[in-house]
C-alpha atoms as a PDB file:
ATOM      1  CA  UNK A   1     120.837 151.902  75.479  1.00  0.00           C
ATOM      2  CA  UNK A   2     118.113 153.002  73.030  1.00  0.00           C
ATOM      3  CA  UNK A   3     116.346 156.379  73.021  1.00  0.00           C
ATOM      4  CA  UNK A   4     113.286 155.063  74.858  1.00  0.00           C
ATOM      5  CA  UNK A   5     115.424 153.692  77.663  1.00  0.00           C
ATOM      6  CA  UNK A   6     117.219 157.030  77.975  1.00  0.00           C
ATOM      7  CA  UNK A   7     113.881 158.844  78.355  1.00  0.00           C
ATOM      8  CA  UNK A   8     112.785 156.329  80.992  1.00  0.00           C
ATOM      9  CA  UNK A   9     116.061 156.731  82.869  1.00  0.00           C
ATOM     10  CA  UNK A  10     115.694 160.550  82.892  1.00  0.00           C
ATOM     11  CA  UNK A  11     112.169 160.249  84.285  1.00  0.00           C
ATOM     12  CA  UNK A  12     113.254 157.806  86.963  1.00  0.00           C
ATOM     13  CA  UNK A  13     116.243 159.954  87.929  1.00  0.00           C
ATOM     14  CA  UNK A  14     113.844 162.850  88.524  1.00  0.00           C
ATOM     15  CA  UNK A  15     111.494 160.648  90.554  1.00  0.00           C
ATOM     16  CA  UNK A  16     114.454 159.138  92.382  1.00  0.00           C
ATOM     17  CA  UNK A  17     115.768 162.599  93.234  1.00  0.00           C
ATOM     18  CA  UNK A  18     112.412 163.623  94.722  1.00  0.00           C
ATOM     19  CA  UNK A  19     112.226 160.528  96.899  1.00  0.00           C
ATOM     20  CA  UNK A  20     115.880 160.780  97.899  1.00  0.00           C
ATOM     21  CA  UNK A  21     115.533 164.440  98.959  1.00  0.00           C
ATOM     22  CA  UNK A  22     112.367 163.624 100.894  1.00  0.00           C
ATOM     23  CA  UNK A  23     113.858 160.531 102.500  1.00  0.00           C
ATOM     24  CA  UNK A  24     117.135 162.168 103.568  1.00  0.00           C
ATOM     25  CA  UNK A  25     115.310 165.170 105.044  1.00  0.00           C
ATOM     26  CA  UNK A  26     112.921 162.837 106.870  1.00  0.00           C
ATOM     27  CA  UNK A  27     115.801 160.777 108.257  1.00  0.00           C
ATOM     28  CA  UNK A  28     117.477 163.986 109.418  1.00  0.00           C
ATOM     29  CA  UNK A  29     114.381 165.254 111.207  1.00  0.00           C
ATOM     30  CA  UNK A  30     113.315 161.786 112.395  1.00  0.00           C
ATOM     31  CA  UNK A  31     109.825 162.245 110.987  1.00  0.00           C
ATOM     32  CA  UNK A  32     108.117 162.274 107.585  1.00  0.00           C
ATOM     33  CA  UNK A  33     108.524 165.702 105.927  1.00  0.00           C
ATOM     34  CA  UNK A  34     107.838 167.020 102.412  1.00  0.00           C
ATOM     35  CA  UNK A  35     110.252 169.541 100.860  1.00  0.00           C
ATOM     36  CA  UNK A  36     109.120 171.861  98.047  1.00  0.00           C
ATOM     37  CA  UNK A  37     111.561 170.170  95.689  1.00  0.00           C
ATOM     38  CA  UNK A  38     109.421 167.020  95.968  1.00  0.00           C
ATOM     39  CA  UNK A  39     106.600 168.635  93.982  1.00  0.00           C
ATOM     40  CA  UNK A  40     108.789 170.259  91.339  1.00  0.00           C
ATOM     41  CA  UNK A  41     110.689 167.037  90.707  1.00  0.00           C
ATOM     42  CA  UNK A  42     107.395 165.112  90.684  1.00  0.00           C
ATOM     43  CA  UNK A  43     105.935 167.341  87.992  1.00  0.00           C
ATOM     44  CA  UNK A  44     109.110 167.191  85.903  1.00  0.00           C
ATOM     45  CA  UNK A  45     109.383 163.406  86.191  1.00  0.00           C
ATOM     46  CA  UNK A  46     105.707 162.924  85.370  1.00  0.00           C
ATOM     47  CA  UNK A  47     106.064 165.071  82.249  1.00  0.00           C
ATOM     48  CA  UNK A  48     108.990 162.988  80.969  1.00  0.00           C
ATOM     49  CA  UNK A  49     107.364 159.664  81.932  1.00  0.00           C
ATOM     50  CA  UNK A  50     104.166 160.644  80.112  1.00  0.00           C
ATOM     51  CA  UNK A  51     106.233 161.169  76.951  1.00  0.00           C
ATOM     52  CA  UNK A  52     107.858 157.766  77.521  1.00  0.00           C
ATOM     53  CA  UNK A  53     104.467 156.099  77.951  1.00  0.00           C
ATOM     54  CA  UNK A  54     103.228 157.682  74.723  1.00  0.00           C
ATOM     55  CA  UNK A  55     106.252 156.563  72.711  1.00  0.00           C
ATOM     56  CA  UNK A  56     106.030 153.049  74.145  1.00  0.00           C
ATOM     57  CA  UNK A  57     102.233 152.983  73.724  1.00  0.00           C
ATOM     58  CA  UNK A  58     101.837 152.028  77.378  1.00  0.00           C
ATOM     59  CA  UNK A  59      98.261 153.017  78.223  1.00  0.00           C
ATOM     60  CA  UNK A  60      98.373 152.155  81.964  1.00  0.00           C
ATOM     61  CA  UNK A  61     101.522 154.232  82.403  1.00  0.00           C
ATOM     62  CA  UNK A  62     100.049 157.237  80.579  1.00  0.00           C
ATOM     63  CA  UNK A  63      96.829 157.003  82.572  1.00  0.00           C
ATOM     64  CA  UNK A  64      98.704 157.059  85.859  1.00  0.00           C
ATOM     65  CA  UNK A  65     100.752 160.093  84.840  1.00  0.00           C
ATOM     66  CA  UNK A  66      97.742 162.114  83.653  1.00  0.00           C
ATOM     67  CA  UNK A  67      96.014 161.636  87.004  1.00  0.00           C
ATOM     68  CA  UNK A  68      99.133 162.491  88.988  1.00  0.00           C
ATOM     69  CA  UNK A  69     100.003 165.473  86.798  1.00  0.00           C
ATOM     70  CA  UNK A  70      96.935 167.439  87.904  1.00  0.00           C
ATOM     71  CA  UNK A  71      97.621 166.701  91.562  1.00  0.00           C
ATOM     72  CA  UNK A  72     101.252 167.824  91.376  1.00  0.00           C
ATOM     73  CA  UNK A  73     100.161 171.153  89.922  1.00  0.00           C
ATOM     74  CA  UNK A  74      97.478 171.564  92.583  1.00  0.00           C
ATOM     75  CA  UNK A  75      99.994 170.941  95.367  1.00  0.00           C
ATOM     76  CA  UNK A  76     102.265 173.587  93.877  1.00  0.00           C
ATOM     77  CA  UNK A  77      99.298 175.955  93.859  1.00  0.00           C
ATOM     78  CA  UNK A  78      98.595 175.221  97.527  1.00  0.00           C
ATOM     79  CA  UNK A  79     102.243 175.962  98.288  1.00  0.00           C
ATOM     80  CA  UNK A  80     101.925 179.187  96.241  1.00  0.00           C
ATOM     81  CA  UNK A  81     104.690 178.003  93.930  1.00  0.00           C
ATOM     82  CA  UNK A  82     102.812 177.460  90.653  1.00  0.00           C
ATOM     83  CA  UNK A  83     102.366 181.185  89.964  1.00  0.00           C
ATOM     84  CA  UNK A  84     106.135 181.637  90.175  1.00  0.00           C
ATOM     85  CA  UNK A  85     106.306 180.162  86.678  1.00  0.00           C
ATOM     86  CA  UNK A  86     105.750 182.540  83.739  1.00  0.00           C
ATOM     87  CA  UNK A  87     102.338 182.140  82.069  1.00  0.00           C
ATOM     88  CA  UNK A  88     103.842 180.733  78.877  1.00  0.00           C
ATOM     89  CA  UNK A  89     105.619 178.041  80.897  1.00  0.00           C
ATOM     90  CA  UNK A  90     102.391 177.121  82.672  1.00  0.00           C
ATOM     91  CA  UNK A  91     100.604 176.818  79.329  1.00  0.00           C
ATOM     92  CA  UNK A  92     103.436 174.689  77.935  1.00  0.00           C
ATOM     93  CA  UNK A  93     103.485 172.313  80.900  1.00  0.00           C
ATOM     94  CA  UNK A  94      99.695 171.879  80.841  1.00  0.00           C
ATOM     95  CA  UNK A  95      99.255 171.966  77.079  1.00  0.00           C
ATOM     96  CA  UNK A  96     101.828 169.410  75.899  1.00  0.00           C
ATOM     97  CA  UNK A  97     100.176 166.306  77.474  1.00  0.00           C
ATOM     98  CA  UNK A  98      96.756 167.475  76.229  1.00  0.00           C
ATOM     99  CA  UNK A  99      98.136 168.011  72.733  1.00  0.00           C
ATOM    100  CA  UNK A 100      99.738 164.542  72.735  1.00  0.00           C
ATOM    101  CA  UNK A 101      96.464 162.858  73.725  1.00  0.00           C
ATOM    102  CA  UNK A 102      94.512 164.765  71.043  1.00  0.00           C
ATOM    103  CA  UNK A 103      97.160 164.023  68.409  1.00  0.00           C
ATOM    104  CA  UNK A 104      97.325 160.343  69.351  1.00  0.00           C
ATOM    105  CA  UNK A 105      93.551 159.984  69.235  1.00  0.00           C
ATOM    106  CA  UNK A 106      93.122 161.764  65.900  1.00  0.00           C
ATOM    107  CA  UNK A 107      95.911 159.755  64.287  1.00  0.00           C
ATOM    108  CA  UNK A 108      94.692 156.387  65.444  1.00  0.00           C
ATOM    109  CA  UNK A 109      97.499 155.930  67.959  1.00  0.00           C
ATOM    110  CA  UNK A 110      94.979 155.436  70.759  1.00  0.00           C
ATOM    111  CA  UNK A 111      92.325 152.872  69.949  1.00  0.00           C
ATOM    112  CA  UNK A 112      90.664 151.617  73.127  1.00  0.00           C
ATOM    113  CA  UNK A 113      89.528 148.355  71.546  1.00  0.00           C
ATOM    114  CA  UNK A 114      93.029 147.781  70.149  1.00  0.00           C
ATOM    115  CA  UNK A 115      94.639 148.589  73.463  1.00  0.00           C
ATOM    116  CA  UNK A 116      92.597 145.864  75.121  1.00  0.00           C
ATOM    117  CA  UNK A 117      93.342 143.271  72.457  1.00  0.00           C
ATOM    118  CA  UNK A 118      97.042 143.723  71.739  1.00  0.00           C
ATOM    119  CA  UNK A 119      98.716 140.388  71.106  1.00  0.00           C
ATOM    120  CA  UNK A 120     101.984 141.438  72.735  1.00  0.00           C
ATOM    121  CA  UNK A 121     100.189 142.337  75.956  1.00  0.00           C
ATOM    122  CA  UNK A 122      97.577 139.864  77.257  1.00  0.00           C
ATOM    123  CA  UNK A 123      94.400 141.425  78.587  1.00  0.00           C
ATOM    124  CA  UNK A 124      95.089 140.225  82.131  1.00  0.00           C
ATOM    125  CA  UNK A 125      98.473 141.943  82.057  1.00  0.00           C
ATOM    126  CA  UNK A 126      96.939 145.176  80.773  1.00  0.00           C
ATOM    127  CA  UNK A 127      94.349 145.040  83.563  1.00  0.00           C
ATOM    128  CA  UNK A 128      97.104 144.410  86.119  1.00  0.00           C
ATOM    129  CA  UNK A 129      98.983 147.444  84.800  1.00  0.00           C
ATOM    130  CA  UNK A 130      95.909 149.678  84.952  1.00  0.00           C
ATOM    131  CA  UNK A 131      95.001 148.545  88.477  1.00  0.00           C
ATOM    132  CA  UNK A 132      98.612 149.026  89.618  1.00  0.00           C
ATOM    133  CA  UNK A 133      98.908 152.520  88.132  1.00  0.00           C
ATOM    134  CA  UNK A 134      95.489 153.671  89.331  1.00  0.00           C
ATOM    135  CA  UNK A 135      96.183 152.371  92.832  1.00  0.00           C
ATOM    136  CA  UNK A 136      99.649 153.927  92.755  1.00  0.00           C
ATOM    137  CA  UNK A 137      98.137 157.235  91.611  1.00  0.00           C
ATOM    138  CA  UNK A 138      95.396 157.070  94.276  1.00  0.00           C
ATOM    139  CA  UNK A 139      98.132 157.866  96.789  1.00  0.00           C
ATOM    140  CA  UNK A 140      98.191 161.357  95.361  1.00  0.00           C
ATOM    141  CA  UNK A 141      94.384 161.544  95.221  1.00  0.00           C
ATOM    142  CA  UNK A 142      94.370 160.724  98.934  1.00  0.00           C
ATOM    143  CA  UNK A 143      97.160 163.235  99.518  1.00  0.00           C
ATOM    144  CA  UNK A 144      95.280 165.844  97.465  1.00  0.00           C
ATOM    145  CA  UNK A 145      92.142 165.576  99.624  1.00  0.00           C
ATOM    146  CA  UNK A 146      94.310 165.676 102.714  1.00  0.00           C
ATOM    147  CA  UNK A 147      96.106 168.797 101.430  1.00  0.00           C
ATOM    148  CA  UNK A 148      92.858 170.546 100.515  1.00  0.00           C
ATOM    149  CA  UNK A 149      91.391 169.813 103.939  1.00  0.00           C
ATOM    150  CA  UNK A 150      94.460 170.908 105.893  1.00  0.00           C
ATOM    151  CA  UNK A 151      95.781 173.503 103.407  1.00  0.00           C
ATOM    152  CA  UNK A 152      99.260 172.038 103.565  1.00  0.00           C
ATOM    153  CA  UNK A 153     101.062 170.009 100.877  1.00  0.00           C
ATOM    154  CA  UNK A 154     102.427 167.172 102.989  1.00  0.00           C
ATOM    155  CA  UNK A 155     102.549 163.369 102.669  1.00  0.00           C
ATOM    156  CA  UNK A 156     100.329 161.599 105.251  1.00  0.00           C
ATOM    157  CA  UNK A 157     100.505 157.926 106.254  1.00  0.00           C
ATOM    158  CA  UNK A 158      97.822 156.923 103.745  1.00  0.00           C
ATOM    159  CA  UNK A 159     100.042 158.194 100.952  1.00  0.00           C
ATOM    160  CA  UNK A 160     102.818 155.790 101.913  1.00  0.00           C
ATOM    161  CA  UNK A 161     100.458 152.837 102.331  1.00  0.00           C
ATOM    162  CA  UNK A 162      99.040 153.418  98.829  1.00  0.00           C
ATOM    163  CA  UNK A 163     102.603 153.864  97.546  1.00  0.00           C
ATOM    164  CA  UNK A 164     103.729 150.540  98.997  1.00  0.00           C
ATOM    165  CA  UNK A 165     100.748 148.551  97.678  1.00  0.00           C
ATOM    166  CA  UNK A 166     100.621 150.199  94.259  1.00  0.00           C
ATOM    167  CA  UNK A 167     104.392 150.033  94.005  1.00  0.00           C
ATOM    168  CA  UNK A 168     104.464 146.267  94.526  1.00  0.00           C
ATOM    169  CA  UNK A 169     101.780 145.712  91.877  1.00  0.00           C
ATOM    170  CA  UNK A 170     103.580 148.050  89.472  1.00  0.00           C
ATOM    171  CA  UNK A 171     106.828 146.185  90.137  1.00  0.00           C
ATOM    172  CA  UNK A 172     105.100 142.959  89.142  1.00  0.00           C
ATOM    173  CA  UNK A 173     103.635 144.567  86.007  1.00  0.00           C
ATOM    174  CA  UNK A 174     106.911 146.004  84.736  1.00  0.00           C
ATOM    175  CA  UNK A 175     108.749 142.784  85.604  1.00  0.00           C
ATOM    176  CA  UNK A 176     106.323 140.854  83.401  1.00  0.00           C
ATOM    177  CA  UNK A 177     106.795 143.464  80.664  1.00  0.00           C
ATOM    178  CA  UNK A 178     110.589 143.100  81.034  1.00  0.00           C
ATOM    179  CA  UNK A 179     110.951 146.877  81.468  1.00  0.00           C
ATOM    180  CA  UNK A 180     114.065 146.756  83.624  1.00  0.00           C
ATOM    181  CA  UNK A 181     114.460 150.517  84.035  1.00  0.00           C
ATOM    182  CA  UNK A 182     111.021 150.675  85.640  1.00  0.00           C
ATOM    183  CA  UNK A 183     111.719 147.504  87.667  1.00  0.00           C
ATOM    184  CA  UNK A 184     114.781 149.100  89.245  1.00  0.00           C
ATOM    185  CA  UNK A 185     112.844 152.298  89.920  1.00  0.00           C
ATOM    186  CA  UNK A 186     109.886 150.605  91.616  1.00  0.00           C
ATOM    187  CA  UNK A 187     112.186 148.227  93.472  1.00  0.00           C
ATOM    188  CA  UNK A 188     114.121 151.105  95.047  1.00  0.00           C
ATOM    189  CA  UNK A 189     110.900 153.049  95.594  1.00  0.00           C
ATOM    190  CA  UNK A 190     109.329 150.230  97.577  1.00  0.00           C
ATOM    191  CA  UNK A 191     112.246 150.343 100.012  1.00  0.00           C
ATOM    192  CA  UNK A 192     111.774 154.096 100.562  1.00  0.00           C
ATOM    193  CA  UNK A 193     107.996 153.690 101.027  1.00  0.00           C
ATOM    194  CA  UNK A 194     108.617 151.025 103.659  1.00  0.00           C
ATOM    195  CA  UNK A 195     111.149 153.246 105.421  1.00  0.00           C
ATOM    196  CA  UNK A 196     108.749 156.196 105.514  1.00  0.00           C
ATOM    197  CA  UNK A 197     106.010 154.034 107.017  1.00  0.00           C
ATOM    198  CA  UNK A 198     108.488 152.982 109.680  1.00  0.00           C
ATOM    199  CA  UNK A 199     109.518 156.591 110.359  1.00  0.00           C
ATOM    200  CA  UNK A 200     105.890 157.657 110.611  1.00  0.00           C
ATOM    201  CA  UNK A 201     105.048 155.108 113.304  1.00  0.00           C
ATOM    202  CA  UNK A 202     108.330 155.710 115.091  1.00  0.00           C
ATOM    203  CA  UNK A 203     107.667 159.473 115.246  1.00  0.00           C
ATOM    204  CA  UNK A 204     104.267 158.801 116.817  1.00  0.00           C
END
């Protein structure tokens, strides 16, 4: 296993742990619930996956993580957990992705025209990846608005519907890119999203 695959595995273990903790707690209570660990593991996994996307030069993946990153932090703020971190840690967590984007841009790593004309990734596949990641990330945009309105960091039905749809498209994208670590992750994730939708309707 190469270094990139190890980074991807670490990210997916963090994401898997968040979904597993949420799923097991939901099964126990027979309804969809959201533990605090979900948001901490989400932020940690997103940080690692952003690094992976940068090293692999995977623009759709990086885009999805940047959008989600902000929402994870906001949910921790709503739960009054973000301020538990020391200021230097907050600056580190926020500053590293920004620094990577600035560095990549200034060193020619990110060239929008090149990204959309890479021979190893057809344009249609790049568009599929962007649509999949944006749709997958919209689940947290929906959840964010829901949390702001109700002042509670929970996961409503719309979150799981976006997760299921975006997850399937992402599964197709990473399958076509032969990224098997991500394929396994999204494959398992789709099962959990389906189960949560079932639990939601059953609890009603």
